[in-house]
Amino acid sequence: RKIQEYQQAGRNIRHVGNLTKEQLYKEYQAATVYFYPTNFLEVSCITAMECMACGLPMIFNGIGALPETYGPAPAGKMEDPKFQKGMIDTLFKLLNSEQVQKNYREAGLKKARRLKWSSLAKTWEKSFYSMFKERNNPETLAKRFEDESNFIAQSKLVNSPLFIDEISYTDPVKMTVVMPNCRGQETAELAIKIFREKAHAKHDYIVIGNGVELKAEGGLAGDNIKILNYAESIGVTKAWNNGIKLAQTEHIAIANDDVFMMDGWDVQLLGVMDAYDIDMISPNEH
């Protein structure tokens, strides 16, 4: 209605109505300036991007994401006392100088070239990998290590470059974990049998579980083995945490196919197995 009143008063205003994108861009390319005194807090202004891509200078309220998207706002922000005068002065400066128009146009086109999908994808990819790297590095994961239910942190830590890709020596030590629920000689002997069949020869090993009971049977007495024993009250997951910490201290590399478990009784064990993609070896299956 206000536009119609201006038109009826004889002002040179053309009301174009709804336009297609193609029509809109033609209007942008034919225009001299886009005057945009909005007080809306843009979060990512598509209009500003379109103006830049069409080589159309833009005068706007320097709030929200507009300065970040387009560039500095010559007139400042709307709450500034001199904002209205600054907007009008900038408008006439543009209209009266082809060189100023050219400067705005070239700056906008240059910035628009950086807004291509390929360039944006690379920027986002870099940001994502940076965040992933921070969240997945051993020191960050270790902070969440004491949470017994945090299987995801455990899984990522055990597969982190600290253990596999960045071992300083050329022949990383392999580790086999046998996690038996040994209650008696029969299961202890079976655990020893599986340990000998599955373990890598001539390497160090860690047994998490009733390791003292295994060693008491004499079956592992001749092996180069590190024992981490735990009482039943500690819980499977905490024992697993301790085992990984011990592996880190000993600089022992861990890989999923180097880990074997037997007959777990704790429900938490299922979460550990799922996190590490580990198959359970049960005495009942042998």
C-alpha atoms as a PDB file:
ATOM      1  CA  ARG A   1       0.000   0.000   0.000  1.00  0.00           C
ATOM      2  CA  LYS A   2       2.827   2.409   0.866  1.00  0.00           C
ATOM      3  CA  ILE A   3       4.501   1.695  -2.483  1.00  0.00           C
ATOM      4  CA  GLN A   4       1.216   2.416  -4.289  1.00  0.00           C
ATOM      5  CA  GLU A   5       0.909   5.716  -2.420  1.00  0.00           C
ATOM      6  CA  TYR A   6       4.421   6.677  -3.531  1.00  0.00           C
ATOM      7  CA  GLN A   7       3.610   5.736  -7.121  1.00  0.00           C
ATOM      8  CA  GLN A   8       0.394   7.768  -7.077  1.00  0.00           C
ATOM      9  CA  ALA A   9       2.379  10.709  -5.729  1.00  0.00           C
ATOM     10  CA  GLY A  10       4.463  10.579  -8.911  1.00  0.00           C
ATOM     11  CA  ARG A  11       7.602   8.980  -7.543  1.00  0.00           C
ATOM     12  CA  ASN A  12       9.580   6.812  -9.967  1.00  0.00           C
ATOM     13  CA  ILE A  13       8.897   3.418  -8.346  1.00  0.00           C
ATOM     14  CA  ARG A  14       8.421   0.191 -10.257  1.00  0.00           C
ATOM     15  CA  HIS A  15       6.608  -2.565  -8.386  1.00  0.00           C
ATOM     16  CA  VAL A  16       7.711  -5.826 -10.013  1.00  0.00           C
ATOM     17  CA  GLY A  17       5.833  -8.279  -7.775  1.00  0.00           C
ATOM     18  CA  ASN A  18       6.909 -11.900  -7.431  1.00  0.00           C
ATOM     19  CA  LEU A  19       9.842 -12.897  -9.636  1.00  0.00           C
ATOM     20  CA  THR A  20      11.465 -16.171 -10.572  1.00  0.00           C
ATOM     21  CA  LYS A  21      15.103 -16.593  -9.611  1.00  0.00           C
ATOM     22  CA  GLU A  22      16.162 -16.007 -13.201  1.00  0.00           C
ATOM     23  CA  GLN A  23      14.110 -12.785 -13.403  1.00  0.00           C
ATOM     24  CA  LEU A  24      15.400 -11.660 -10.003  1.00  0.00           C
ATOM     25  CA  TYR A  25      19.042 -12.107 -11.013  1.00  0.00           C
ATOM     26  CA  LYS A  26      18.481 -10.119 -14.205  1.00  0.00           C
ATOM     27  CA  GLU A  27      17.070  -7.275 -12.096  1.00  0.00           C
ATOM     28  CA  TYR A  28      20.081  -7.524  -9.781  1.00  0.00           C
ATOM     29  CA  GLN A  29      22.497  -7.324 -12.709  1.00  0.00           C
ATOM     30  CA  ALA A  30      20.700  -4.287 -14.116  1.00  0.00           C
ATOM     31  CA  ALA A  31      20.523  -2.436 -10.792  1.00  0.00           C
ATOM     32  CA  THR A  32      23.101  -0.033  -9.376  1.00  0.00           C
ATOM     33  CA  VAL A  33      22.685  -0.703  -5.667  1.00  0.00           C
ATOM     34  CA  TYR A  34      20.706  -2.910  -3.271  1.00  0.00           C
ATOM     35  CA  PHE A  35      19.482  -0.843  -0.328  1.00  0.00           C
ATOM     36  CA  TYR A  36      18.769  -3.114   2.635  1.00  0.00           C
ATOM     37  CA  PRO A  37      18.147  -1.296   5.954  1.00  0.00           C
ATOM     38  CA  THR A  38      16.740  -4.393   7.674  1.00  0.00           C
ATOM     39  CA  ASN A  39      16.766  -4.864  11.435  1.00  0.00           C
ATOM     40  CA  PHE A  40      16.382  -8.656  11.128  1.00  0.00           C
ATOM     41  CA  LEU A  41      19.313 -10.632  12.539  1.00  0.00           C
ATOM     42  CA  GLU A  42      20.350 -12.655   9.496  1.00  0.00           C
ATOM     43  CA  VAL A  43      22.116 -15.920  10.290  1.00  0.00           C
ATOM     44  CA  SER A  44      23.278 -16.537   6.727  1.00  0.00           C
ATOM     45  CA  CYS A  45      21.957 -14.014   4.276  1.00  0.00           C
ATOM     46  CA  ILE A  46      21.173 -15.612   0.892  1.00  0.00           C
ATOM     47  CA  THR A  47      20.250 -12.173  -0.481  1.00  0.00           C
ATOM     48  CA  ALA A  48      23.731 -10.858   0.276  1.00  0.00           C
ATOM     49  CA  MET A  49      25.300 -13.881  -1.447  1.00  0.00           C
ATOM     50  CA  GLU A  50      23.081 -13.370  -4.504  1.00  0.00           C
ATOM     51  CA  CYS A  51      24.000  -9.681  -4.674  1.00  0.00           C
ATOM     52  CA  MET A  52      27.704 -10.494  -4.549  1.00  0.00           C
ATOM     53  CA  ALA A  53      27.367 -13.169  -7.259  1.00  0.00           C
ATOM     54  CA  CYS A  54      25.465 -10.705  -9.475  1.00  0.00           C
ATOM     55  CA  GLY A  55      27.974  -7.912  -8.909  1.00  0.00           C
ATOM     56  CA  LEU A  56      25.392  -5.744  -7.146  1.00  0.00           C
ATOM     57  CA  PRO A  57      26.687  -3.366  -4.435  1.00  0.00           C
ATOM     58  CA  MET A  58      24.744  -3.659  -1.181  1.00  0.00           C
ATOM     59  CA  ILE A  59      24.137  -1.142   1.583  1.00  0.00           C
ATOM     60  CA  PHE A  60      22.838  -2.706   4.761  1.00  0.00           C
ATOM     61  CA  ASN A  61      22.445  -2.596   8.524  1.00  0.00           C
ATOM     62  CA  GLY A  62      25.621  -4.088  10.008  1.00  0.00           C
ATOM     63  CA  ILE A  63      23.979  -6.652  12.294  1.00  0.00           C
ATOM     64  CA  GLY A  64      23.722 -10.442  12.415  1.00  0.00           C
ATOM     65  CA  ALA A  65      25.669 -12.349   9.775  1.00  0.00           C
ATOM     66  CA  LEU A  66      25.556  -9.592   7.150  1.00  0.00           C
ATOM     67  CA  PRO A  67      29.043  -8.174   7.858  1.00  0.00           C
ATOM     68  CA  GLU A  68      30.469 -11.702   7.931  1.00  0.00           C
ATOM     69  CA  THR A  69      28.716 -12.636   4.689  1.00  0.00           C
ATOM     70  CA  TYR A  70      29.069  -9.461   2.637  1.00  0.00           C
ATOM     71  CA  GLY A  71      31.692  -7.353   4.348  1.00  0.00           C
ATOM     72  CA  PRO A  72      31.931  -4.278   6.582  1.00  0.00           C
ATOM     73  CA  ALA A  73      28.801  -2.126   6.775  1.00  0.00           C
ATOM     74  CA  PRO A  74      29.804   1.428   5.739  1.00  0.00           C
ATOM     75  CA  ALA A  75      26.928   2.978   7.697  1.00  0.00           C
ATOM     76  CA  GLY A  76      27.420   0.872  10.817  1.00  0.00           C
ATOM     77  CA  LYS A  77      24.476  -0.447  12.822  1.00  0.00           C
ATOM     78  CA  MET A  78      20.944   0.842  13.039  1.00  0.00           C
ATOM     79  CA  GLU A  79      21.276   1.715  16.717  1.00  0.00           C
ATOM     80  CA  ASP A  80      24.131   4.107  15.922  1.00  0.00           C
ATOM     81  CA  PRO A  81      22.992   7.771  16.113  1.00  0.00           C
ATOM     82  CA  LYS A  82      24.454   8.537  12.678  1.00  0.00           C
ATOM     83  CA  PHE A  83      23.159   5.347  11.010  1.00  0.00           C
ATOM     84  CA  GLN A  84      20.407   6.912   8.854  1.00  0.00           C
ATOM     85  CA  LYS A  85      22.664   9.683   7.624  1.00  0.00           C
ATOM     86  CA  GLY A  86      25.413   7.133   6.946  1.00  0.00           C
ATOM     87  CA  MET A  87      23.062   4.959   4.864  1.00  0.00           C
ATOM     88  CA  ILE A  88      21.933   7.948   2.755  1.00  0.00           C
ATOM     89  CA  ASP A  89      25.483   9.283   2.337  1.00  0.00           C
ATOM     90  CA  THR A  90      26.734   5.841   1.233  1.00  0.00           C
ATOM     91  CA  LEU A  91      23.818   5.506  -1.198  1.00  0.00           C
ATOM     92  CA  PHE A  92      24.568   8.812  -2.927  1.00  0.00           C
ATOM     93  CA  LYS A  93      28.288   8.073  -2.890  1.00  0.00           C
ATOM     94  CA  LEU A  94      27.592   4.906  -4.848  1.00  0.00           C
ATOM     95  CA  LEU A  95      25.096   6.480  -7.230  1.00  0.00           C
ATOM     96  CA  ASN A  96      27.428   9.365  -8.060  1.00  0.00           C
ATOM     97  CA  SER A  97      30.649   7.391  -8.614  1.00  0.00           C
ATOM     98  CA  GLU A  98      31.193   4.634 -11.153  1.00  0.00           C
ATOM     99  CA  GLN A  99      34.571   3.894  -9.538  1.00  0.00           C
ATOM    100  CA  VAL A 100      32.944   3.267  -6.127  1.00  0.00           C
ATOM    101  CA  GLN A 101      30.391   1.023  -7.827  1.00  0.00           C
ATOM    102  CA  LYS A 102      33.219  -0.873  -9.523  1.00  0.00           C
ATOM    103  CA  ASN A 103      35.083  -1.294  -6.244  1.00  0.00           C
ATOM    104  CA  TYR A 104      32.003  -2.711  -4.524  1.00  0.00           C
ATOM    105  CA  ARG A 105      31.232  -4.941  -7.510  1.00  0.00           C
ATOM    106  CA  GLU A 106      34.732  -6.422  -7.748  1.00  0.00           C
ATOM    107  CA  ALA A 107      34.967  -7.003  -3.996  1.00  0.00           C
ATOM    108  CA  GLY A 108      31.595  -8.771  -4.013  1.00  0.00           C
ATOM    109  CA  LEU A 109      32.421 -10.989  -6.994  1.00  0.00           C
ATOM    110  CA  LYS A 110      35.768 -11.933  -5.460  1.00  0.00           C
ATOM    111  CA  LYS A 111      34.107 -12.989  -2.211  1.00  0.00           C
ATOM    112  CA  ALA A 112      31.315 -14.806  -4.049  1.00  0.00           C
ATOM    113  CA  ARG A 113      33.869 -17.054  -5.738  1.00  0.00           C
ATOM    114  CA  ARG A 114      34.799 -18.372  -2.297  1.00  0.00           C
ATOM    115  CA  LEU A 115      31.182 -19.368  -1.676  1.00  0.00           C
ATOM    116  CA  LYS A 116      31.118 -22.164  -4.241  1.00  0.00           C
ATOM    117  CA  TRP A 117      29.924 -25.521  -2.953  1.00  0.00           C
ATOM    118  CA  SER A 118      33.338 -27.076  -3.554  1.00  0.00           C
ATOM    119  CA  SER A 119      35.108 -24.395  -1.502  1.00  0.00           C
ATOM    120  CA  LEU A 120      32.520 -24.493   1.280  1.00  0.00           C
ATOM    121  CA  ALA A 121      32.692 -28.283   1.409  1.00  0.00           C
ATOM    122  CA  LYS A 122      36.454 -28.147   1.904  1.00  0.00           C
ATOM    123  CA  THR A 123      36.076 -25.571   4.672  1.00  0.00           C
ATOM    124  CA  TRP A 124      33.438 -27.637   6.482  1.00  0.00           C
ATOM    125  CA  GLU A 125      35.422 -30.824   5.991  1.00  0.00           C
ATOM    126  CA  LYS A 126      38.476 -29.205   7.538  1.00  0.00           C
ATOM    127  CA  SER A 127      36.416 -27.969  10.484  1.00  0.00           C
ATOM    128  CA  PHE A 128      34.760 -31.354  11.015  1.00  0.00           C
ATOM    129  CA  TYR A 129      38.055 -33.244  10.921  1.00  0.00           C
ATOM    130  CA  SER A 130      39.568 -30.742  13.322  1.00  0.00           C
ATOM    131  CA  MET A 131      36.703 -31.308  15.782  1.00  0.00           C
ATOM    132  CA  PHE A 132      36.836 -35.082  15.322  1.00  0.00           C
ATOM    133  CA  LYS A 133      40.587 -35.084  15.872  1.00  0.00           C
ATOM    134  CA  GLU A 134      40.203 -33.141  19.103  1.00  0.00           C
ATOM    135  CA  ARG A 135      37.366 -35.308  20.401  1.00  0.00           C
ATOM    136  CA  ASN A 136      39.133 -38.532  19.436  1.00  0.00           C
ATOM    137  CA  ASN A 137      42.662 -37.849  20.562  1.00  0.00           C
ATOM    138  CA  PRO A 138      43.796 -40.063  23.438  1.00  0.00           C
ATOM    139  CA  GLU A 139      44.112 -37.236  25.958  1.00  0.00           C
ATOM    140  CA  THR A 140      40.547 -36.043  25.324  1.00  0.00           C
ATOM    141  CA  LEU A 141      39.159 -39.566  25.395  1.00  0.00           C
ATOM    142  CA  ALA A 142      41.051 -40.344  28.568  1.00  0.00           C
ATOM    143  CA  LYS A 143      39.081 -37.634  30.358  1.00  0.00           C
ATOM    144  CA  ARG A 144      35.934 -39.670  29.723  1.00  0.00           C
ATOM    145  CA  PHE A 145      37.695 -42.933  30.436  1.00  0.00           C
ATOM    146  CA  GLU A 146      36.475 -43.344  33.988  1.00  0.00           C
ATOM    147  CA  ASP A 147      32.870 -43.516  32.807  1.00  0.00           C
ATOM    148  CA  GLU A 148      32.356 -47.258  32.810  1.00  0.00           C
ATOM    149  CA  SER A 149      29.504 -47.071  30.307  1.00  0.00           C
ATOM    150  CA  ASN A 150      31.405 -44.993  27.752  1.00  0.00           C
ATOM    151  CA  PHE A 151      32.185 -47.801  25.338  1.00  0.00           C
ATOM    152  CA  ILE A 152      32.443 -45.415  22.374  1.00  0.00           C
ATOM    153  CA  ALA A 153      35.310 -43.510  23.984  1.00  0.00           C
ATOM    154  CA  GLN A 154      37.024 -46.797  24.818  1.00  0.00           C
ATOM    155  CA  SER A 155      36.605 -48.102  21.278  1.00  0.00           C
ATOM    156  CA  LYS A 156      37.968 -44.935  19.673  1.00  0.00           C
ATOM    157  CA  LEU A 157      40.863 -44.775  22.087  1.00  0.00           C
ATOM    158  CA  VAL A 158      41.888 -48.353  21.512  1.00  0.00           C
ATOM    159  CA  ASN A 159      41.870 -47.741  17.741  1.00  0.00           C
ATOM    160  CA  SER A 160      43.516 -44.335  17.906  1.00  0.00           C
ATOM    161  CA  PRO A 161      46.804 -43.571  16.115  1.00  0.00           C
ATOM    162  CA  LEU A 162      48.516 -43.605  19.514  1.00  0.00           C
ATOM    163  CA  PHE A 163      48.201 -47.380  19.465  1.00  0.00           C
ATOM    164  CA  ILE A 164      48.350 -48.256  15.773  1.00  0.00           C
ATOM    165  CA  ASP A 165      49.521 -45.662  13.247  1.00  0.00           C
ATOM    166  CA  GLU A 166      52.056 -43.616  15.168  1.00  0.00           C
ATOM    167  CA  ILE A 167      54.027 -46.282  17.028  1.00  0.00           C
ATOM    168  CA  SER A 168      57.600 -45.039  17.048  1.00  0.00           C
ATOM    169  CA  TYR A 169      59.236 -48.430  16.599  1.00  0.00           C
ATOM    170  CA  THR A 170      59.018 -50.331  13.316  1.00  0.00           C
ATOM    171  CA  ASP A 171      57.763 -53.677  14.679  1.00  0.00           C
ATOM    172  CA  PRO A 172      54.840 -52.905  17.018  1.00  0.00           C
ATOM    173  CA  VAL A 173      54.278 -55.335  19.847  1.00  0.00           C
ATOM    174  CA  LYS A 174      51.003 -57.209  19.484  1.00  0.00           C
ATOM    175  CA  MET A 175      48.748 -57.813  22.438  1.00  0.00           C
ATOM    176  CA  THR A 176      46.270 -60.595  23.007  1.00  0.00           C
ATOM    177  CA  VAL A 177      43.683 -60.209  25.715  1.00  0.00           C
ATOM    178  CA  VAL A 178      42.043 -63.303  27.146  1.00  0.00           C
ATOM    179  CA  MET A 179      39.164 -62.315  29.389  1.00  0.00           C
ATOM    180  CA  PRO A 180      38.009 -65.533  31.046  1.00  0.00           C
ATOM    181  CA  ASN A 181      35.441 -66.049  33.719  1.00  0.00           C
ATOM    182  CA  CYS A 182      37.511 -68.834  35.228  1.00  0.00           C
ATOM    183  CA  ARG A 183      35.972 -70.763  38.029  1.00  0.00           C
ATOM    184  CA  GLY A 184      37.953 -73.928  38.413  1.00  0.00           C
ATOM    185  CA  GLN A 185      40.663 -75.870  36.640  1.00  0.00           C
ATOM    186  CA  GLU A 186      38.623 -76.909  33.591  1.00  0.00           C
ATOM    187  CA  THR A 187      37.832 -73.399  32.392  1.00  0.00           C
ATOM    188  CA  ALA A 188      41.323 -72.224  33.324  1.00  0.00           C
ATOM    189  CA  GLU A 189      42.853 -74.944  31.176  1.00  0.00           C
ATOM    190  CA  LEU A 190      40.544 -74.051  28.294  1.00  0.00           C
ATOM    191  CA  ALA A 191      41.523 -70.394  28.613  1.00  0.00           C
ATOM    192  CA  ILE A 192      45.186 -71.370  28.475  1.00  0.00           C
ATOM    193  CA  LYS A 193      44.528 -73.546  25.403  1.00  0.00           C
ATOM    194  CA  ILE A 194      42.767 -70.721  23.534  1.00  0.00           C
ATOM    195  CA  PHE A 195      45.405 -68.255  24.678  1.00  0.00           C
ATOM    196  CA  ARG A 196      48.175 -70.393  23.169  1.00  0.00           C
ATOM    197  CA  GLU A 197      46.251 -70.958  19.920  1.00  0.00           C
ATOM    198  CA  LYS A 198      45.273 -67.352  19.369  1.00  0.00           C
ATOM    199  CA  ALA A 199      48.159 -65.381  20.808  1.00  0.00           C
ATOM    200  CA  HIS A 200      50.957 -64.033  18.622  1.00  0.00           C
ATOM    201  CA  ALA A 201      54.193 -65.903  19.192  1.00  0.00           C
ATOM    202  CA  LYS A 202      57.166 -64.148  20.775  1.00  0.00           C
ATOM    203  CA  HIS A 203      55.225 -61.122  21.900  1.00  0.00           C
ATOM    204  CA  ASP A 204      54.112 -59.658  25.193  1.00  0.00           C
ATOM    205  CA  TYR A 205      50.606 -60.414  26.373  1.00  0.00           C
ATOM    206  CA  ILE A 206      48.190 -59.074  28.925  1.00  0.00           C
ATOM    207  CA  VAL A 207      45.588 -61.262  30.557  1.00  0.00           C
ATOM    208  CA  ILE A 208      42.662 -59.317  31.978  1.00  0.00           C
ATOM    209  CA  GLY A 209      40.523 -61.381  34.296  1.00  0.00           C
ATOM    210  CA  ASN A 210      41.391 -64.070  36.768  1.00  0.00           C
ATOM    211  CA  GLY A 211      44.978 -64.042  35.651  1.00  0.00           C
ATOM    212  CA  VAL A 212      46.355 -65.072  39.034  1.00  0.00           C
ATOM    213  CA  GLU A 213      44.133 -68.134  38.972  1.00  0.00           C
ATOM    214  CA  LEU A 214      45.393 -68.995  35.480  1.00  0.00           C
ATOM    215  CA  LYS A 215      48.994 -68.603  36.478  1.00  0.00           C
ATOM    216  CA  ALA A 216      48.405 -70.636  39.605  1.00  0.00           C
ATOM    217  CA  GLU A 217      47.454 -73.537  37.384  1.00  0.00           C
ATOM    218  CA  GLY A 218      50.965 -73.378  35.989  1.00  0.00           C
ATOM    219  CA  GLY A 219      49.764 -73.183  32.415  1.00  0.00           C
ATOM    220  CA  LEU A 220      51.167 -69.736  31.722  1.00  0.00           C
ATOM    221  CA  ALA A 221      54.249 -69.951  33.881  1.00  0.00           C
ATOM    222  CA  GLY A 222      56.598 -70.159  30.918  1.00  0.00           C
ATOM    223  CA  ASP A 223      54.996 -67.340  28.928  1.00  0.00           C
ATOM    224  CA  ASN A 224      56.123 -63.752  28.831  1.00  0.00           C
ATOM    225  CA  ILE A 225      52.858 -62.461  30.241  1.00  0.00           C
ATOM    226  CA  LYS A 226      51.606 -59.419  32.091  1.00  0.00           C
ATOM    227  CA  ILE A 227      48.749 -60.131  34.479  1.00  0.00           C
ATOM    228  CA  LEU A 228      46.031 -57.638  35.346  1.00  0.00           C
ATOM    229  CA  ASN A 229      43.781 -59.329  37.871  1.00  0.00           C
ATOM    230  CA  TYR A 230      40.628 -57.875  39.332  1.00  0.00           C
ATOM    231  CA  ALA A 231      38.099 -58.843  41.959  1.00  0.00           C
ATOM    232  CA  GLU A 232      34.580 -59.538  40.822  1.00  0.00           C
ATOM    233  CA  SER A 233      33.389 -56.351  42.497  1.00  0.00           C
ATOM    234  CA  ILE A 234      35.474 -54.146  40.184  1.00  0.00           C
ATOM    235  CA  GLY A 235      33.367 -54.999  37.142  1.00  0.00           C
ATOM    236  CA  VAL A 236      34.295 -56.025  33.638  1.00  0.00           C
ATOM    237  CA  THR A 237      34.332 -52.570  32.112  1.00  0.00           C
ATOM    238  CA  LYS A 238      36.614 -51.021  34.714  1.00  0.00           C
ATOM    239  CA  ALA A 239      38.994 -53.940  34.344  1.00  0.00           C
ATOM    240  CA  TRP A 240      38.966 -53.367  30.589  1.00  0.00           C
ATOM    241  CA  ASN A 241      39.723 -49.668  31.169  1.00  0.00           C
ATOM    242  CA  ASN A 242      42.645 -50.610  33.378  1.00  0.00           C
ATOM    243  CA  GLY A 243      43.873 -53.044  30.756  1.00  0.00           C
ATOM    244  CA  ILE A 244      43.931 -50.371  28.058  1.00  0.00           C
ATOM    245  CA  LYS A 245      45.696 -47.965  30.417  1.00  0.00           C
ATOM    246  CA  LEU A 246      48.293 -50.630  31.119  1.00  0.00           C
ATOM    247  CA  ALA A 247      48.697 -51.212  27.399  1.00  0.00           C
ATOM    248  CA  GLN A 248      49.218 -47.491  26.917  1.00  0.00           C
ATOM    249  CA  THR A 249      51.852 -47.434  29.652  1.00  0.00           C
ATOM    250  CA  GLU A 250      53.648 -50.407  28.099  1.00  0.00           C
ATOM    251  CA  HIS A 251      53.363 -48.919  24.575  1.00  0.00           C
ATOM    252  CA  ILE A 252      51.589 -52.025  23.318  1.00  0.00           C
ATOM    253  CA  ALA A 253      49.580 -51.761  20.124  1.00  0.00           C
ATOM    254  CA  ILE A 254      46.024 -53.056  20.187  1.00  0.00           C
ATOM    255  CA  ALA A 255      43.987 -54.271  17.242  1.00  0.00           C
ATOM    256  CA  ASN A 256      40.483 -55.690  17.290  1.00  0.00           C
ATOM    257  CA  ASP A 257      41.517 -59.076  15.928  1.00  0.00           C
ATOM    258  CA  ASP A 258      44.075 -59.438  18.722  1.00  0.00           C
ATOM    259  CA  VAL A 259      41.426 -59.508  21.434  1.00  0.00           C
ATOM    260  CA  PHE A 260      39.589 -62.596  22.641  1.00  0.00           C
ATOM    261  CA  MET A 261      37.070 -62.973  25.448  1.00  0.00           C
ATOM    262  CA  MET A 262      35.565 -65.940  27.223  1.00  0.00           C
ATOM    263  CA  ASP A 263      32.256 -66.499  28.968  1.00  0.00           C
ATOM    264  CA  GLY A 264      31.498 -63.049  30.356  1.00  0.00           C
ATOM    265  CA  TRP A 265      28.797 -62.802  32.988  1.00  0.00           C
ATOM    266  CA  ASP A 266      28.393 -59.043  33.214  1.00  0.00           C
ATOM    267  CA  VAL A 267      25.848 -57.297  30.974  1.00  0.00           C
ATOM    268  CA  GLN A 268      28.387 -54.505  30.515  1.00  0.00           C
ATOM    269  CA  LEU A 269      30.604 -56.983  28.706  1.00  0.00           C
ATOM    270  CA  LEU A 270      28.127 -57.069  25.831  1.00  0.00           C
ATOM    271  CA  GLY A 271      28.610 -53.329  25.372  1.00  0.00           C
ATOM    272  CA  VAL A 272      32.390 -53.706  25.412  1.00  0.00           C
ATOM    273  CA  MET A 273      32.203 -56.519  22.864  1.00  0.00           C
ATOM    274  CA  ASP A 274      29.931 -54.466  20.631  1.00  0.00           C
ATOM    275  CA  ALA A 275      32.216 -51.428  20.846  1.00  0.00           C
ATOM    276  CA  TYR A 276      35.271 -53.466  19.885  1.00  0.00           C
ATOM    277  CA  ASP A 277      33.545 -55.791  17.416  1.00  0.00           C
ATOM    278  CA  ILE A 278      34.762 -58.806  19.376  1.00  0.00           C
ATOM    279  CA  ASP A 279      33.413 -62.333  19.186  1.00  0.00           C
ATOM    280  CA  MET A 280      32.926 -64.192  22.458  1.00  0.00           C
ATOM    281  CA  ILE A 281      34.589 -67.568  22.913  1.00  0.00           C
ATOM    282  CA  SER A 282      32.597 -69.598  25.408  1.00  0.00           C
ATOM    283  CA  PRO A 283      33.767 -72.843  27.036  1.00  0.00           C
ATOM    284  CA  ASN A 284      30.388 -74.353  26.195  1.00  0.00           C
ATOM    285  CA  GLU A 285      31.198 -74.043  22.485  1.00  0.00           C
ATOM    286  CA  HIS A 286      34.391 -76.088  22.797  1.00  0.00           C
END
